[in-house]
Amino acid sequence: MSLKRKTYSPAFRAKVALAAHRGDKTIHQLASHFQVSPQQISNWKARLTQRVEEIFQDNRSHKKEESANEAELFEQIGRLKMEVDWLKKKSALLAD
């Protein structure tokens, strides 16, 4: 008989991790209240504290990099179109 693993929604995980981070109750009290392993709560709390920085990251710097990369790609497309047109002309002259 195989046991099926429980899966928890991200909202539930966040709720439990925030409750653990608040520190109002002990991890064991939270584990009995939410019916989750204390080790699992500790893992979720650690993950929350490690990744909380990502929430407040400034994404504007990424947009600048993306726009520079986009401009470079458009420039490359233009060059390739010119080369294709030139090759079409040359192949038409050779075919005659």
PDB file of N, CA and C in Angstrom:
ATOM      1  N   MET A   1       0.834  -1.167   0.000  1.00  0.00           N
ATOM      2  CA  MET A   1       0.000   0.000   0.000  1.00  0.00           C
ATOM      3  C   MET A   1       0.887   1.241   0.000  1.00  0.00           C
ATOM      4  N   SER A   2       0.742   2.068  -1.023  1.00  0.00           N
ATOM      5  CA  SER A   2       1.585   3.255  -1.108  1.00  0.00           C
ATOM      6  C   SER A   2       0.841   4.477  -0.576  1.00  0.00           C
ATOM      7  N   LEU A   3       1.577   5.303   0.107  1.00  0.00           N
ATOM      8  CA  LEU A   3       1.002   6.528   0.642  1.00  0.00           C
ATOM      9  C   LEU A   3       1.182   7.657  -0.367  1.00  0.00           C
ATOM     10  N   LYS A   4       0.145   8.442  -0.555  1.00  0.00           N
ATOM     11  CA  LYS A   4       0.221   9.565  -1.475  1.00  0.00           C
ATOM     12  C   LYS A   4       0.698  10.791  -0.704  1.00  0.00           C
ATOM     13  N   ARG A   5       1.640  11.500  -1.282  1.00  0.00           N
ATOM     14  CA  ARG A   5       2.174  12.692  -0.636  1.00  0.00           C
ATOM     15  C   ARG A   5       1.151  13.810  -0.639  1.00  0.00           C
ATOM     16  N   LYS A   6       1.121  14.548   0.431  1.00  0.00           N
ATOM     17  CA  LYS A   6       0.246  15.714   0.481  1.00  0.00           C
ATOM     18  C   LYS A   6       0.916  16.861  -0.250  1.00  0.00           C
ATOM     19  N   THR A   7       0.120  17.606  -0.965  1.00  0.00           N
ATOM     20  CA  THR A   7       0.641  18.810  -1.602  1.00  0.00           C
ATOM     21  C   THR A   7      -0.125  19.997  -1.039  1.00  0.00           C
ATOM     22  N   TYR A   8       0.586  21.061  -0.794  1.00  0.00           N
ATOM     23  CA  TYR A   8      -0.003  22.254  -0.207  1.00  0.00           C
ATOM     24  C   TYR A   8       0.077  23.402  -1.202  1.00  0.00           C
ATOM     25  N   SER A   9      -0.943  24.217  -1.214  1.00  0.00           N
ATOM     26  CA  SER A   9      -0.970  25.353  -2.132  1.00  0.00           C
ATOM     27  C   SER A   9       0.052  26.392  -1.684  1.00  0.00           C
ATOM     28  N   PRO A  10       0.527  27.203  -2.620  1.00  0.00           N
ATOM     29  CA  PRO A  10       1.470  28.258  -2.253  1.00  0.00           C
ATOM     30  C   PRO A  10       0.882  29.235  -1.229  1.00  0.00           C
ATOM     31  N   ALA A  11      -0.419  29.493  -1.322  1.00  0.00           N
ATOM     32  CA  ALA A  11      -1.054  30.406  -0.363  1.00  0.00           C
ATOM     33  C   ALA A  11      -1.008  29.821   1.049  1.00  0.00           C
ATOM     34  N   PHE A  12      -1.257  28.523   1.163  1.00  0.00           N
ATOM     35  CA  PHE A  12      -1.203  27.867   2.474  1.00  0.00           C
ATOM     36  C   PHE A  12       0.214  27.884   3.026  1.00  0.00           C
ATOM     37  N   ARG A  13       1.189  27.594   2.162  1.00  0.00           N
ATOM     38  CA  ARG A  13       2.588  27.609   2.600  1.00  0.00           C
ATOM     39  C   ARG A  13       2.983  28.988   3.107  1.00  0.00           C
ATOM     40  N   ALA A  14       2.571  30.017   2.366  1.00  0.00           N
ATOM     41  CA  ALA A  14       2.906  31.385   2.762  1.00  0.00           C
ATOM     42  C   ALA A  14       2.262  31.722   4.101  1.00  0.00           C
ATOM     43  N   LYS A  15       1.008  31.317   4.266  1.00  0.00           N
ATOM     44  CA  LYS A  15       0.290  31.581   5.511  1.00  0.00           C
ATOM     45  C   LYS A  15       1.011  30.944   6.699  1.00  0.00           C
ATOM     46  N   VAL A  16       1.414  29.693   6.550  1.00  0.00           N
ATOM     47  CA  VAL A  16       2.095  28.971   7.629  1.00  0.00           C
ATOM     48  C   VAL A  16       3.474  29.577   7.890  1.00  0.00           C
ATOM     49  N   ALA A  17       4.207  29.895   6.830  1.00  0.00           N
ATOM     50  CA  ALA A  17       5.549  30.464   6.995  1.00  0.00           C
ATOM     51  C   ALA A  17       5.488  31.823   7.670  1.00  0.00           C
ATOM     52  N   LEU A  18       4.504  32.629   7.302  1.00  0.00           N
ATOM     53  CA  LEU A  18       4.360  33.938   7.949  1.00  0.00           C
ATOM     54  C   LEU A  18       3.971  33.791   9.415  1.00  0.00           C
ATOM     55  N   ALA A  19       3.118  32.831   9.709  1.00  0.00           N
ATOM     56  CA  ALA A  19       2.749  32.586  11.102  1.00  0.00           C
ATOM     57  C   ALA A  19       3.975  32.150  11.907  1.00  0.00           C
ATOM     58  N   ALA A  20       4.813  31.331  11.313  1.00  0.00           N
ATOM     59  CA  ALA A  20       6.031  30.889  11.998  1.00  0.00           C
ATOM     60  C   ALA A  20       6.998  32.050  12.162  1.00  0.00           C
ATOM     61  N   HIS A  21       7.054  32.908  11.158  1.00  0.00           N
ATOM     62  CA  HIS A  21       7.972  34.053  11.219  1.00  0.00           C
ATOM     63  C   HIS A  21       7.528  35.068  12.280  1.00  0.00           C
ATOM     64  N   ARG A  22       6.217  35.211  12.444  1.00  0.00           N
ATOM     65  CA  ARG A  22       5.698  36.133  13.452  1.00  0.00           C
ATOM     66  C   ARG A  22       6.172  35.751  14.841  1.00  0.00           C
ATOM     67  N   GLY A  23       6.202  34.461  15.121  1.00  0.00           N
ATOM     68  CA  GLY A  23       6.706  33.987  16.409  1.00  0.00           C
ATOM     69  C   GLY A  23       5.695  34.041  17.529  1.00  0.00           C
ATOM     70  N   ASP A  24       4.409  34.218  17.224  1.00  0.00           N
ATOM     71  CA  ASP A  24       3.383  34.234  18.260  1.00  0.00           C
ATOM     72  C   ASP A  24       3.261  32.874  18.939  1.00  0.00           C
ATOM     73  N   LYS A  25       3.407  31.825  18.137  1.00  0.00           N
ATOM     74  CA  LYS A  25       3.300  30.459  18.653  1.00  0.00           C
ATOM     75  C   LYS A  25       4.586  29.718  18.309  1.00  0.00           C
ATOM     76  N   THR A  26       4.816  28.645  19.018  1.00  0.00           N
ATOM     77  CA  THR A  26       5.990  27.824  18.709  1.00  0.00           C
ATOM     78  C   THR A  26       5.720  27.020  17.439  1.00  0.00           C
ATOM     79  N   ILE A  27       6.775  26.486  16.886  1.00  0.00           N
ATOM     80  CA  ILE A  27       6.641  25.693  15.665  1.00  0.00           C
ATOM     81  C   ILE A  27       5.784  24.459  15.923  1.00  0.00           C
ATOM     82  N   HIS A  28       5.912  23.885  17.100  1.00  0.00           N
ATOM     83  CA  HIS A  28       5.124  22.693  17.416  1.00  0.00           C
ATOM     84  C   HIS A  28       3.644  23.029  17.569  1.00  0.00           C
ATOM     85  N   GLN A  29       3.348  24.187  18.121  1.00  0.00           N
ATOM     86  CA  GLN A  29       1.951  24.614  18.209  1.00  0.00           C
ATOM     87  C   GLN A  29       1.373  24.841  16.814  1.00  0.00           C
ATOM     88  N   LEU A  30       2.150  25.469  15.952  1.00  0.00           N
ATOM     89  CA  LEU A  30       1.696  25.695  14.576  1.00  0.00           C
ATOM     90  C   LEU A  30       1.517  24.374  13.834  1.00  0.00           C
ATOM     91  N   ALA A  31       2.421  23.433  14.089  1.00  0.00           N
ATOM     92  CA  ALA A  31       2.337  22.131  13.426  1.00  0.00           C
ATOM     93  C   ALA A  31       1.048  21.414  13.807  1.00  0.00           C
ATOM     94  N   SER A  32       0.686  21.474  15.054  1.00  0.00           N
ATOM     95  CA  SER A  32      -0.555  20.809  15.462  1.00  0.00           C
ATOM     96  C   SER A  32      -1.780  21.575  14.965  1.00  0.00           C
ATOM     97  N   HIS A  33      -1.694  22.883  14.904  1.00  0.00           N
ATOM     98  CA  HIS A  33      -2.820  23.684  14.420  1.00  0.00           C
ATOM     99  C   HIS A  33      -3.060  23.479  12.924  1.00  0.00           C
ATOM    100  N   PHE A  34      -1.989  23.509  12.135  1.00  0.00           N
ATOM    101  CA  PHE A  34      -2.119  23.399  10.677  1.00  0.00           C
ATOM    102  C   PHE A  34      -2.000  21.959  10.169  1.00  0.00           C
ATOM    103  N   GLN A  35      -1.737  21.001  11.062  1.00  0.00           N
ATOM    104  CA  GLN A  35      -1.588  19.594  10.690  1.00  0.00           C
ATOM    105  C   GLN A  35      -0.459  19.394   9.675  1.00  0.00           C
ATOM    106  N   VAL A  36       0.688  20.017   9.975  1.00  0.00           N
ATOM    107  CA  VAL A  36       1.870  19.938   9.120  1.00  0.00           C
ATOM    108  C   VAL A  36       3.051  19.582  10.008  1.00  0.00           C
ATOM    109  N   SER A  37       4.020  18.926   9.455  1.00  0.00           N
ATOM    110  CA  SER A  37       5.216  18.548  10.197  1.00  0.00           C
ATOM    111  C   SER A  37       5.995  19.796  10.645  1.00  0.00           C
ATOM    112  N   PRO A  38       6.557  19.777  11.853  1.00  0.00           N
ATOM    113  CA  PRO A  38       7.355  20.911  12.310  1.00  0.00           C
ATOM    114  C   PRO A  38       8.566  21.165  11.410  1.00  0.00           C
ATOM    115  N   GLN A  39       9.144  20.090  10.887  1.00  0.00           N
ATOM    116  CA  GLN A  39      10.285  20.243   9.975  1.00  0.00           C
ATOM    117  C   GLN A  39       9.855  20.966   8.705  1.00  0.00           C
ATOM    118  N   GLN A  40       8.668  20.651   8.218  1.00  0.00           N
ATOM    119  CA  GLN A  40       8.155  21.302   7.016  1.00  0.00           C
ATOM    120  C   GLN A  40       7.943  22.794   7.267  1.00  0.00           C
ATOM    121  N   ILE A  41       7.419  23.126   8.415  1.00  0.00           N
ATOM    122  CA  ILE A  41       7.216  24.541   8.763  1.00  0.00           C
ATOM    123  C   ILE A  41       8.561  25.254   8.843  1.00  0.00           C
ATOM    124  N   SER A  42       9.550  24.605   9.428  1.00  0.00           N
ATOM    125  CA  SER A  42      10.889  25.205   9.508  1.00  0.00           C
ATOM    126  C   SER A  42      11.464  25.435   8.119  1.00  0.00           C
ATOM    127  N   ASN A  43      11.259  24.471   7.225  1.00  0.00           N
ATOM    128  CA  ASN A  43      11.746  24.619   5.849  1.00  0.00           C
ATOM    129  C   ASN A  43      11.063  25.791   5.144  1.00  0.00           C
ATOM    130  N   TRP A  44       9.753  25.883   5.288  1.00  0.00           N
ATOM    131  CA  TRP A  44       9.012  26.978   4.638  1.00  0.00           C
ATOM    132  C   TRP A  44       9.426  28.331   5.207  1.00  0.00           C
ATOM    133  N   LYS A  45       9.649  28.383   6.508  1.00  0.00           N
ATOM    134  CA  LYS A  45      10.072  29.634   7.143  1.00  0.00           C
ATOM    135  C   LYS A  45      11.456  30.037   6.642  1.00  0.00           C
ATOM    136  N   ALA A  46      12.363  29.080   6.545  1.00  0.00           N
ATOM    137  CA  ALA A  46      13.712  29.368   6.045  1.00  0.00           C
ATOM    138  C   ALA A  46      13.659  29.844   4.595  1.00  0.00           C
ATOM    139  N   ARG A  47      12.823  29.200   3.803  1.00  0.00           N
ATOM    140  CA  ARG A  47      12.688  29.601   2.399  1.00  0.00           C
ATOM    141  C   ARG A  47      12.127  31.012   2.295  1.00  0.00           C
ATOM    142  N   LEU A  48      11.172  31.336   3.164  1.00  0.00           N
ATOM    143  CA  LEU A  48      10.598  32.679   3.179  1.00  0.00           C
ATOM    144  C   LEU A  48      11.661  33.721   3.499  1.00  0.00           C
ATOM    145  N   THR A  49      12.449  33.472   4.508  1.00  0.00           N
ATOM    146  CA  THR A  49      13.455  34.460   4.905  1.00  0.00           C
ATOM    147  C   THR A  49      14.573  34.573   3.872  1.00  0.00           C
ATOM    148  N   GLN A  50      14.871  33.494   3.163  1.00  0.00           N
ATOM    149  CA  GLN A  50      15.915  33.546   2.140  1.00  0.00           C
ATOM    150  C   GLN A  50      15.451  34.285   0.902  1.00  0.00           C
ATOM    151  N   ARG A  51      14.184  34.147   0.541  1.00  0.00           N
ATOM    152  CA  ARG A  51      13.701  34.680  -0.728  1.00  0.00           C
ATOM    153  C   ARG A  51      12.882  35.956  -0.593  1.00  0.00           C
ATOM    154  N   VAL A  52      12.775  36.491   0.623  1.00  0.00           N
ATOM    155  CA  VAL A  52      11.979  37.702   0.824  1.00  0.00           C
ATOM    156  C   VAL A  52      12.581  38.893   0.048  1.00  0.00           C
ATOM    157  N   GLU A  53      13.870  38.856  -0.188  1.00  0.00           N
ATOM    158  CA  GLU A  53      14.554  39.925  -0.904  1.00  0.00           C
ATOM    159  C   GLU A  53      14.041  40.049  -2.340  1.00  0.00           C
ATOM    160  N   GLU A  54      13.661  38.937  -2.942  1.00  0.00           N
ATOM    161  CA  GLU A  54      13.188  38.935  -4.322  1.00  0.00           C
ATOM    162  C   GLU A  54      11.908  39.745  -4.493  1.00  0.00           C
ATOM    163  N   ILE A  55      11.106  39.829  -3.449  1.00  0.00           N
ATOM    164  CA  ILE A  55       9.847  40.554  -3.524  1.00  0.00           C
ATOM    165  C   ILE A  55      10.095  42.032  -3.777  1.00  0.00           C
ATOM    166  N   PHE A  56      11.134  42.559  -3.179  1.00  0.00           N
ATOM    167  CA  PHE A  56      11.388  43.986  -3.250  1.00  0.00           C
ATOM    168  C   PHE A  56      12.457  44.365  -4.262  1.00  0.00           C
ATOM    169  N   GLN A  57      12.816  43.458  -5.132  1.00  0.00           N
ATOM    170  CA  GLN A  57      13.819  43.765  -6.152  1.00  0.00           C
ATOM    171  C   GLN A  57      13.264  44.780  -7.135  1.00  0.00           C
ATOM    172  N   ASP A  58      14.145  45.630  -7.607  1.00  0.00           N
ATOM    173  CA  ASP A  58      13.783  46.637  -8.596  1.00  0.00           C
ATOM    174  C   ASP A  58      13.955  46.029  -9.979  1.00  0.00           C
ATOM    175  N   ASN A  59      12.861  45.825 -10.676  1.00  0.00           N
ATOM    176  CA  ASN A  59      12.910  45.183 -11.982  1.00  0.00           C
ATOM    177  C   ASN A  59      13.234  46.156 -13.107  1.00  0.00           C
ATOM    178  N   ARG A  60      13.359  47.434 -12.802  1.00  0.00           N
ATOM    179  CA  ARG A  60      13.647  48.420 -13.847  1.00  0.00           C
ATOM    180  C   ARG A  60      15.019  48.197 -14.469  1.00  0.00           C
ATOM    181  N   SER A  61      15.985  47.744 -13.707  1.00  0.00           N
ATOM    182  CA  SER A  61      17.315  47.504 -14.259  1.00  0.00           C
ATOM    183  C   SER A  61      17.273  46.381 -15.292  1.00  0.00           C
ATOM    184  N   HIS A  62      16.420  45.398 -15.077  1.00  0.00           N
ATOM    185  CA  HIS A  62      16.277  44.303 -16.036  1.00  0.00           C
ATOM    186  C   HIS A  62      15.686  44.809 -17.347  1.00  0.00           C
ATOM    187  N   LYS A  63      14.786  45.773 -17.269  1.00  0.00           N
ATOM    188  CA  LYS A  63      14.167  46.322 -18.471  1.00  0.00           C
ATOM    189  C   LYS A  63      15.201  47.035 -19.331  1.00  0.00           C
ATOM    190  N   LYS A  64      16.156  47.718 -18.703  1.00  0.00           N
ATOM    191  CA  LYS A  64      17.209  48.398 -19.459  1.00  0.00           C
ATOM    192  C   LYS A  64      18.050  47.377 -20.220  1.00  0.00           C
ATOM    193  N   GLU A  65      18.400  46.292 -19.546  1.00  0.00           N
ATOM    194  CA  GLU A  65      19.184  45.234 -20.191  1.00  0.00           C
ATOM    195  C   GLU A  65      18.406  44.604 -21.340  1.00  0.00           C
ATOM    196  N   GLU A  66      17.109  44.398 -21.117  1.00  0.00           N
ATOM    197  CA  GLU A  66      16.277  43.795 -22.156  1.00  0.00           C
ATOM    198  C   GLU A  66      16.160  44.707 -23.365  1.00  0.00           C
ATOM    199  N   SER A  67      16.011  46.021 -23.132  1.00  0.00           N
ATOM    200  CA  SER A  67      15.876  46.940 -24.262  1.00  0.00           C
ATOM    201  C   SER A  67      17.190  47.037 -25.049  1.00  0.00           C
ATOM    202  N   ALA A  68      18.324  46.969 -24.350  1.00  0.00           N
ATOM    203  CA  ALA A  68      19.609  46.983 -25.045  1.00  0.00           C
ATOM    204  C   ALA A  68      19.765  45.709 -25.873  1.00  0.00           C
ATOM    205  N   ASN A  69      19.377  44.593 -25.309  1.00  0.00           N
ATOM    206  CA  ASN A  69      19.448  43.323 -26.024  1.00  0.00           C
ATOM    207  C   ASN A  69      18.489  43.329 -27.210  1.00  0.00           C
ATOM    208  N   GLU A  70      17.315  43.913 -27.027  1.00  0.00           N
ATOM    209  CA  GLU A  70      16.322  43.994 -28.094  1.00  0.00           C
ATOM    210  C   GLU A  70      16.839  44.851 -29.249  1.00  0.00           C
ATOM    211  N   ALA A  71      17.476  45.975 -28.944  1.00  0.00           N
ATOM    212  CA  ALA A  71      18.020  46.848 -29.985  1.00  0.00           C
ATOM    213  C   ALA A  71      19.099  46.108 -30.783  1.00  0.00           C
ATOM    214  N   GLU A  72      19.926  45.350 -30.085  1.00  0.00           N
ATOM    215  CA  GLU A  72      20.976  44.576 -30.753  1.00  0.00           C
ATOM    216  C   GLU A  72      20.372  43.529 -31.692  1.00  0.00           C
ATOM    217  N   LEU A  73      19.297  42.892 -31.245  1.00  0.00           N
ATOM    218  CA  LEU A  73      18.641  41.876 -32.077  1.00  0.00           C
ATOM    219  C   LEU A  73      18.005  42.498 -33.323  1.00  0.00           C
ATOM    220  N   PHE A  74      17.372  43.663 -33.174  1.00  0.00           N
ATOM    221  CA  PHE A  74      16.791  44.336 -34.329  1.00  0.00           C
ATOM    222  C   PHE A  74      17.866  44.751 -35.330  1.00  0.00           C
ATOM    223  N   GLU A  75      19.005  45.182 -34.808  1.00  0.00           N
ATOM    224  CA  GLU A  75      20.119  45.553 -35.676  1.00  0.00           C
ATOM    225  C   GLU A  75      20.605  44.335 -36.464  1.00  0.00           C
ATOM    226  N   GLN A  76      20.693  43.209 -35.792  1.00  0.00           N
ATOM    227  CA  GLN A  76      21.131  41.979 -36.446  1.00  0.00           C
ATOM    228  C   GLN A  76      20.112  41.531 -37.500  1.00  0.00           C
ATOM    229  N   ILE A  77      18.825  41.687 -37.209  1.00  0.00           N
ATOM    230  CA  ILE A  77      17.788  41.332 -38.179  1.00  0.00           C
ATOM    231  C   ILE A  77      17.927  42.200 -39.425  1.00  0.00           C
ATOM    232  N   GLY A  78      18.161  43.481 -39.225  1.00  0.00           N
ATOM    233  CA  GLY A  78      18.341  44.389 -40.363  1.00  0.00           C
ATOM    234  C   GLY A  78      19.512  43.971 -41.239  1.00  0.00           C
ATOM    235  N   ARG A  79      20.631  43.634 -40.607  1.00  0.00           N
ATOM    236  CA  ARG A  79      21.809  43.200 -41.358  1.00  0.00           C
ATOM    237  C   ARG A  79      21.523  41.922 -42.143  1.00  0.00           C
ATOM    238  N   LEU A  80      20.844  40.983 -41.517  1.00  0.00           N
ATOM    239  CA  LEU A  80      20.534  39.724 -42.181  1.00  0.00           C
ATOM    240  C   LEU A  80      19.579  39.928 -43.357  1.00  0.00           C
ATOM    241  N   LYS A  81      18.625  40.846 -43.220  1.00  0.00           N
ATOM    242  CA  LYS A  81      17.716  41.139 -44.332  1.00  0.00           C
ATOM    243  C   LYS A  81      18.482  41.721 -45.508  1.00  0.00           C
ATOM    244  N   MET A  82      19.428  42.606 -45.211  1.00  0.00           N
ATOM    245  CA  MET A  82      20.231  43.202 -46.279  1.00  0.00           C
ATOM    246  C   MET A  82      21.052  42.127 -46.989  1.00  0.00           C
ATOM    247  N   GLU A  83      21.624  41.215 -46.225  1.00  0.00           N
ATOM    248  CA  GLU A  83      22.411  40.135 -46.820  1.00  0.00           C
ATOM    249  C   GLU A  83      21.542  39.231 -47.695  1.00  0.00           C
ATOM    250  N   VAL A  84      20.338  38.930 -47.244  1.00  0.00           N
ATOM    251  CA  VAL A  84      19.433  38.083 -48.018  1.00  0.00           C
ATOM    252  C   VAL A  84      19.058  38.780 -49.326  1.00  0.00           C
ATOM    253  N   ASP A  85      18.742  40.072 -49.261  1.00  0.00           N
ATOM    254  CA  ASP A  85      18.409  40.825 -50.478  1.00  0.00           C
ATOM    255  C   ASP A  85      19.593  40.833 -51.451  1.00  0.00           C
ATOM    256  N   TRP A  86      20.791  41.034 -50.928  1.00  0.00           N
ATOM    257  CA  TRP A  86      21.989  41.066 -51.769  1.00  0.00           C
ATOM    258  C   TRP A  86      22.204  39.709 -52.429  1.00  0.00           C
ATOM    259  N   LEU A  87      22.031  38.636 -51.652  1.00  0.00           N
ATOM    260  CA  LEU A  87      22.199  37.290 -52.197  1.00  0.00           C
ATOM    261  C   LEU A  87      21.136  36.972 -53.255  1.00  0.00           C
ATOM    262  N   LYS A  88      19.919  37.440 -53.065  1.00  0.00           N
ATOM    263  CA  LYS A  88      18.871  37.227 -54.064  1.00  0.00           C
ATOM    264  C   LYS A  88      19.235  37.911 -55.375  1.00  0.00           C
ATOM    265  N   LYS A  89      19.745  39.145 -55.286  1.00  0.00           N
ATOM    266  CA  LYS A  89      20.144  39.883 -56.494  1.00  0.00           C
ATOM    267  C   LYS A  89      21.282  39.159 -57.206  1.00  0.00           C
ATOM    268  N   LYS A  90      22.269  38.735 -56.474  1.00  0.00           N
ATOM    269  CA  LYS A  90      23.413  38.054 -57.056  1.00  0.00           C
ATOM    270  C   LYS A  90      23.025  36.718 -57.661  1.00  0.00           C
ATOM    271  N   SER A  91      22.157  35.985 -56.992  1.00  0.00           N
ATOM    272  CA  SER A  91      21.754  34.697 -57.552  1.00  0.00           C
ATOM    273  C   SER A  91      20.885  34.883 -58.795  1.00  0.00           C
ATOM    274  N   ALA A  92      20.114  35.961 -58.850  1.00  0.00           N
ATOM    275  CA  ALA A  92      19.311  36.245 -60.050  1.00  0.00           C
ATOM    276  C   ALA A  92      20.225  36.599 -61.220  1.00  0.00           C
ATOM    277  N   LEU A  93      21.319  37.329 -60.972  1.00  0.00           N
ATOM    278  CA  LEU A  93      22.270  37.697 -62.023  1.00  0.00           C
ATOM    279  C   LEU A  93      23.025  36.462 -62.534  1.00  0.00           C
ATOM    280  N   LEU A  94      23.339  35.544 -61.618  1.00  0.00           N
ATOM    281  CA  LEU A  94      24.057  34.332 -62.012  1.00  0.00           C
ATOM    282  C   LEU A  94      23.141  33.361 -62.784  1.00  0.00           C
ATOM    283  N   ALA A  95      21.856  33.402 -62.482  1.00  0.00           N
ATOM    284  CA  ALA A  95      20.919  32.504 -63.134  1.00  0.00           C
ATOM    285  C   ALA A  95      20.655  32.924 -64.576  1.00  0.00           C
ATOM    286  N   ASP A  96      20.824  34.206 -64.874  1.00  0.00           N
ATOM    287  CA  ASP A  96      20.573  34.699 -66.234  1.00  0.00           C
ATOM    288  C   ASP A  96      21.619  34.302 -67.197  1.00  0.00           C
TER     289      ASP A  96
END
